[in-house]
Amino acid sequence: MKLEFSESDLRPLVALVVEEVVSKIGGVPDDRLAFEESEAARLIGVPKHVLRDLRLSGGIEAKKCGKRALYRRETLLRYLAGK
């Protein structure tokens, strides 16, 4: 038996899972506007080089501040939610 789901069927479930994971890891600090790459990678649970490669391939947006890449809180949460 093959089950088929559309993106609209799965979106609420994914959002719920992301919310639960973020709460279990202590949440993402609300008072910060952006996070450096190493901290952003830790917050979403991937190695720093994976986040860097994702940024360089256009899979996630970051702003450059000098030589540092900064990730907005909203960008990280949107990435986790798959939006």
N, C-alpha and C. Protein backbone atom coordinates (compact mmCIF):
# COMPACT_ATOMS: atom_id res chain seq x y z
N MET A 1 0.84 -1.18 0.00
CA MET A 1 0.00 0.00 0.00
C MET A 1 0.89 1.24 0.00
N LYS A 2 0.67 2.14 -0.93
CA LYS A 2 1.47 3.35 -1.04
C LYS A 2 0.66 4.54 -0.52
N LEU A 3 1.26 5.27 0.39
CA LEU A 3 0.62 6.48 0.92
C LEU A 3 1.17 7.68 0.19
N GLU A 4 0.30 8.59 -0.18
CA GLU A 4 0.73 9.80 -0.86
C GLU A 4 0.29 11.00 -0.04
N PHE A 5 1.22 11.95 0.11
CA PHE A 5 0.95 13.16 0.85
C PHE A 5 1.37 14.35 0.02
N SER A 6 0.59 15.39 0.07
CA SER A 6 0.97 16.63 -0.60
C SER A 6 1.73 17.50 0.40
N GLU A 7 2.40 18.50 -0.13
CA GLU A 7 3.14 19.41 0.73
C GLU A 7 2.21 20.08 1.74
N SER A 8 1.00 20.43 1.32
CA SER A 8 0.06 21.08 2.23
C SER A 8 -0.40 20.14 3.34
N ASP A 9 -0.39 18.84 3.07
CA ASP A 9 -0.73 17.87 4.11
C ASP A 9 0.35 17.80 5.18
N LEU A 10 1.61 17.91 4.76
CA LEU A 10 2.74 17.72 5.68
C LEU A 10 3.18 19.00 6.38
N ARG A 11 2.87 20.16 5.82
CA ARG A 11 3.35 21.42 6.39
C ARG A 11 2.99 21.60 7.87
N PRO A 12 1.74 21.36 8.30
CA PRO A 12 1.42 21.50 9.73
C PRO A 12 2.22 20.54 10.61
N LEU A 13 2.43 19.33 10.13
CA LEU A 13 3.19 18.35 10.90
C LEU A 13 4.65 18.79 11.03
N VAL A 14 5.23 19.27 9.95
CA VAL A 14 6.61 19.73 9.99
C VAL A 14 6.74 20.92 10.93
N ALA A 15 5.81 21.86 10.86
CA ALA A 15 5.85 23.03 11.75
C ALA A 15 5.78 22.60 13.22
N LEU A 16 4.94 21.62 13.51
CA LEU A 16 4.81 21.12 14.88
C LEU A 16 6.11 20.46 15.35
N VAL A 17 6.73 19.67 14.49
CA VAL A 17 7.99 19.00 14.84
C VAL A 17 9.08 20.03 15.08
N VAL A 18 9.18 21.04 14.21
CA VAL A 18 10.20 22.09 14.38
C VAL A 18 9.99 22.81 15.70
N GLU A 19 8.75 23.15 16.00
CA GLU A 19 8.45 23.84 17.26
C GLU A 19 8.88 22.99 18.46
N GLU A 20 8.60 21.71 18.41
CA GLU A 20 8.97 20.82 19.52
C GLU A 20 10.49 20.69 19.65
N VAL A 21 11.18 20.55 18.53
CA VAL A 21 12.65 20.42 18.56
C VAL A 21 13.27 21.69 19.11
N VAL A 22 12.81 22.84 18.65
CA VAL A 22 13.36 24.12 19.13
C VAL A 22 13.14 24.26 20.63
N SER A 23 11.98 23.86 21.12
CA SER A 23 11.73 23.96 22.56
C SER A 23 12.61 23.00 23.35
N LYS A 24 12.89 21.80 22.81
CA LYS A 24 13.72 20.83 23.51
C LYS A 24 15.18 21.25 23.58
N ILE A 25 15.66 21.99 22.58
CA ILE A 25 17.07 22.42 22.60
C ILE A 25 17.22 23.77 23.30
N GLY A 26 16.18 24.20 23.96
CA GLY A 26 16.28 25.43 24.73
C GLY A 26 15.83 26.65 23.96
N GLY A 27 15.29 26.44 22.79
CA GLY A 27 14.78 27.55 22.00
C GLY A 27 15.89 28.36 21.37
N VAL A 28 15.47 29.24 20.52
CA VAL A 28 16.39 30.18 19.88
C VAL A 28 16.21 31.50 20.60
N PRO A 29 17.28 32.08 21.11
CA PRO A 29 17.15 33.33 21.87
C PRO A 29 16.40 34.40 21.08
N ASP A 30 15.38 35.00 21.69
CA ASP A 30 14.55 35.99 21.01
C ASP A 30 15.21 37.35 20.93
N ASP A 31 16.19 37.62 21.78
CA ASP A 31 16.76 38.96 21.81
C ASP A 31 17.88 39.16 20.80
N ARG A 32 18.27 38.14 20.09
CA ARG A 32 19.34 38.24 19.10
C ARG A 32 18.76 38.44 17.72
N LEU A 33 19.35 39.34 16.96
CA LEU A 33 18.89 39.56 15.59
C LEU A 33 19.50 38.56 14.63
N ALA A 34 20.76 38.17 14.89
CA ALA A 34 21.45 37.27 13.97
C ALA A 34 22.48 36.44 14.72
N PHE A 35 22.92 35.36 14.07
CA PHE A 35 23.88 34.44 14.66
C PHE A 35 25.02 34.18 13.69
N GLU A 36 26.23 34.11 14.21
CA GLU A 36 27.37 33.74 13.38
C GLU A 36 27.22 32.29 12.93
N GLU A 37 27.98 31.93 11.90
CA GLU A 37 27.79 30.63 11.27
C GLU A 37 27.94 29.46 12.23
N SER A 38 28.93 29.46 13.09
CA SER A 38 29.13 28.34 13.99
C SER A 38 27.96 28.20 14.97
N GLU A 39 27.47 29.34 15.48
CA GLU A 39 26.35 29.29 16.40
C GLU A 39 25.04 28.91 15.69
N ALA A 40 24.84 29.43 14.49
CA ALA A 40 23.65 29.09 13.71
C ALA A 40 23.63 27.60 13.39
N ALA A 41 24.77 27.06 13.04
CA ALA A 41 24.86 25.62 12.73
C ALA A 41 24.50 24.80 13.97
N ARG A 42 25.01 25.19 15.11
CA ARG A 42 24.70 24.47 16.36
C ARG A 42 23.21 24.54 16.67
N LEU A 43 22.62 25.71 16.47
CA LEU A 43 21.20 25.89 16.77
C LEU A 43 20.29 25.01 15.93
N ILE A 44 20.66 24.80 14.66
CA ILE A 44 19.81 23.96 13.81
C ILE A 44 20.31 22.52 13.74
N GLY A 45 21.40 22.23 14.43
CA GLY A 45 21.85 20.85 14.58
C GLY A 45 22.60 20.27 13.40
N VAL A 46 23.38 21.11 12.72
CA VAL A 46 24.21 20.61 11.61
C VAL A 46 25.64 21.07 11.83
N PRO A 47 26.62 20.37 11.25
CA PRO A 47 28.00 20.84 11.32
C PRO A 47 28.15 22.18 10.59
N LYS A 48 29.12 22.96 11.02
CA LYS A 48 29.35 24.28 10.44
C LYS A 48 29.57 24.21 8.93
N HIS A 49 30.31 23.20 8.47
CA HIS A 49 30.61 23.12 7.04
C HIS A 49 29.36 22.81 6.22
N VAL A 50 28.39 22.12 6.81
CA VAL A 50 27.14 21.82 6.11
C VAL A 50 26.35 23.12 5.91
N LEU A 51 26.29 23.95 6.94
CA LEU A 51 25.59 25.22 6.83
C LEU A 51 26.30 26.13 5.83
N ARG A 52 27.62 26.15 5.85
CA ARG A 52 28.38 26.95 4.90
C ARG A 52 28.09 26.52 3.47
N ASP A 53 28.12 25.20 3.23
CA ASP A 53 27.85 24.69 1.88
C ASP A 53 26.43 25.01 1.45
N LEU A 54 25.49 24.93 2.37
CA LEU A 54 24.11 25.26 2.08
C LEU A 54 23.99 26.73 1.69
N ARG A 55 24.69 27.60 2.41
CA ARG A 55 24.68 29.03 2.10
C ARG A 55 25.29 29.29 0.73
N LEU A 56 26.41 28.67 0.45
CA LEU A 56 27.10 28.91 -0.82
C LEU A 56 26.31 28.39 -2.02
N SER A 57 25.49 27.37 -1.80
CA SER A 57 24.67 26.83 -2.90
C SER A 57 23.33 27.54 -3.03
N GLY A 58 23.05 28.50 -2.14
CA GLY A 58 21.80 29.25 -2.21
C GLY A 58 20.65 28.60 -1.47
N GLY A 59 20.93 27.58 -0.67
CA GLY A 59 19.87 26.89 0.06
C GLY A 59 19.39 27.61 1.30
N ILE A 60 20.18 28.56 1.80
CA ILE A 60 19.79 29.37 2.95
C ILE A 60 20.45 30.73 2.80
N GLU A 61 19.77 31.74 3.25
CA GLU A 61 20.25 33.11 3.09
C GLU A 61 21.06 33.55 4.32
N ALA A 62 22.15 34.26 4.05
CA ALA A 62 22.95 34.86 5.12
C ALA A 62 23.45 36.20 4.62
N LYS A 63 23.74 37.07 5.53
CA LYS A 63 24.31 38.38 5.20
C LYS A 63 25.77 38.38 5.61
N LYS A 64 26.60 38.98 4.79
CA LYS A 64 28.02 39.09 5.13
C LYS A 64 28.24 40.38 5.91
N CYS A 65 29.00 40.25 6.97
CA CYS A 65 29.42 41.40 7.78
C CYS A 65 30.92 41.28 7.90
N GLY A 66 31.63 41.96 7.01
CA GLY A 66 33.06 41.74 6.91
C GLY A 66 33.29 40.35 6.35
N LYS A 67 34.05 39.54 7.06
CA LYS A 67 34.30 38.17 6.62
C LYS A 67 33.31 37.18 7.22
N ARG A 68 32.48 37.64 8.14
CA ARG A 68 31.55 36.75 8.83
C ARG A 68 30.22 36.64 8.10
N ALA A 69 29.65 35.45 8.13
CA ALA A 69 28.30 35.23 7.61
C ALA A 69 27.36 35.25 8.80
N LEU A 70 26.30 36.05 8.71
CA LEU A 70 25.32 36.15 9.79
C LEU A 70 23.98 35.65 9.30
N TYR A 71 23.32 34.85 10.14
CA TYR A 71 22.04 34.24 9.82
C TYR A 71 20.97 34.82 10.72
N ARG A 72 19.90 35.32 10.12
CA ARG A 72 18.78 35.86 10.90
C ARG A 72 18.02 34.72 11.57
N ARG A 73 17.49 34.99 12.73
CA ARG A 73 16.69 34.01 13.49
C ARG A 73 15.55 33.48 12.64
N GLU A 74 14.82 34.38 11.97
CA GLU A 74 13.68 33.98 11.16
C GLU A 74 14.11 33.06 10.02
N THR A 75 15.28 33.32 9.45
CA THR A 75 15.80 32.49 8.36
C THR A 75 16.05 31.07 8.84
N LEU A 76 16.63 30.93 10.02
CA LEU A 76 16.92 29.60 10.57
C LEU A 76 15.64 28.83 10.87
N LEU A 77 14.66 29.50 11.46
CA LEU A 77 13.39 28.84 11.76
C LEU A 77 12.64 28.46 10.48
N ARG A 78 12.68 29.34 9.49
CA ARG A 78 12.04 29.03 8.21
C ARG A 78 12.71 27.85 7.53
N TYR A 79 14.04 27.78 7.61
CA TYR A 79 14.76 26.65 7.03
C TYR A 79 14.36 25.35 7.72
N LEU A 80 14.29 25.37 9.05
CA LEU A 80 13.90 24.17 9.79
C LEU A 80 12.48 23.72 9.45
N ALA A 81 11.63 24.69 9.20
CA ALA A 81 10.24 24.36 8.87
C ALA A 81 10.09 23.93 7.41
N GLY A 82 11.15 24.06 6.64
CA GLY A 82 11.10 23.62 5.25
C GLY A 82 10.37 24.58 4.32
N LYS A 83 10.34 25.85 4.70
CA LYS A 83 9.63 26.84 3.87
C LYS A 83 10.60 27.61 3.02
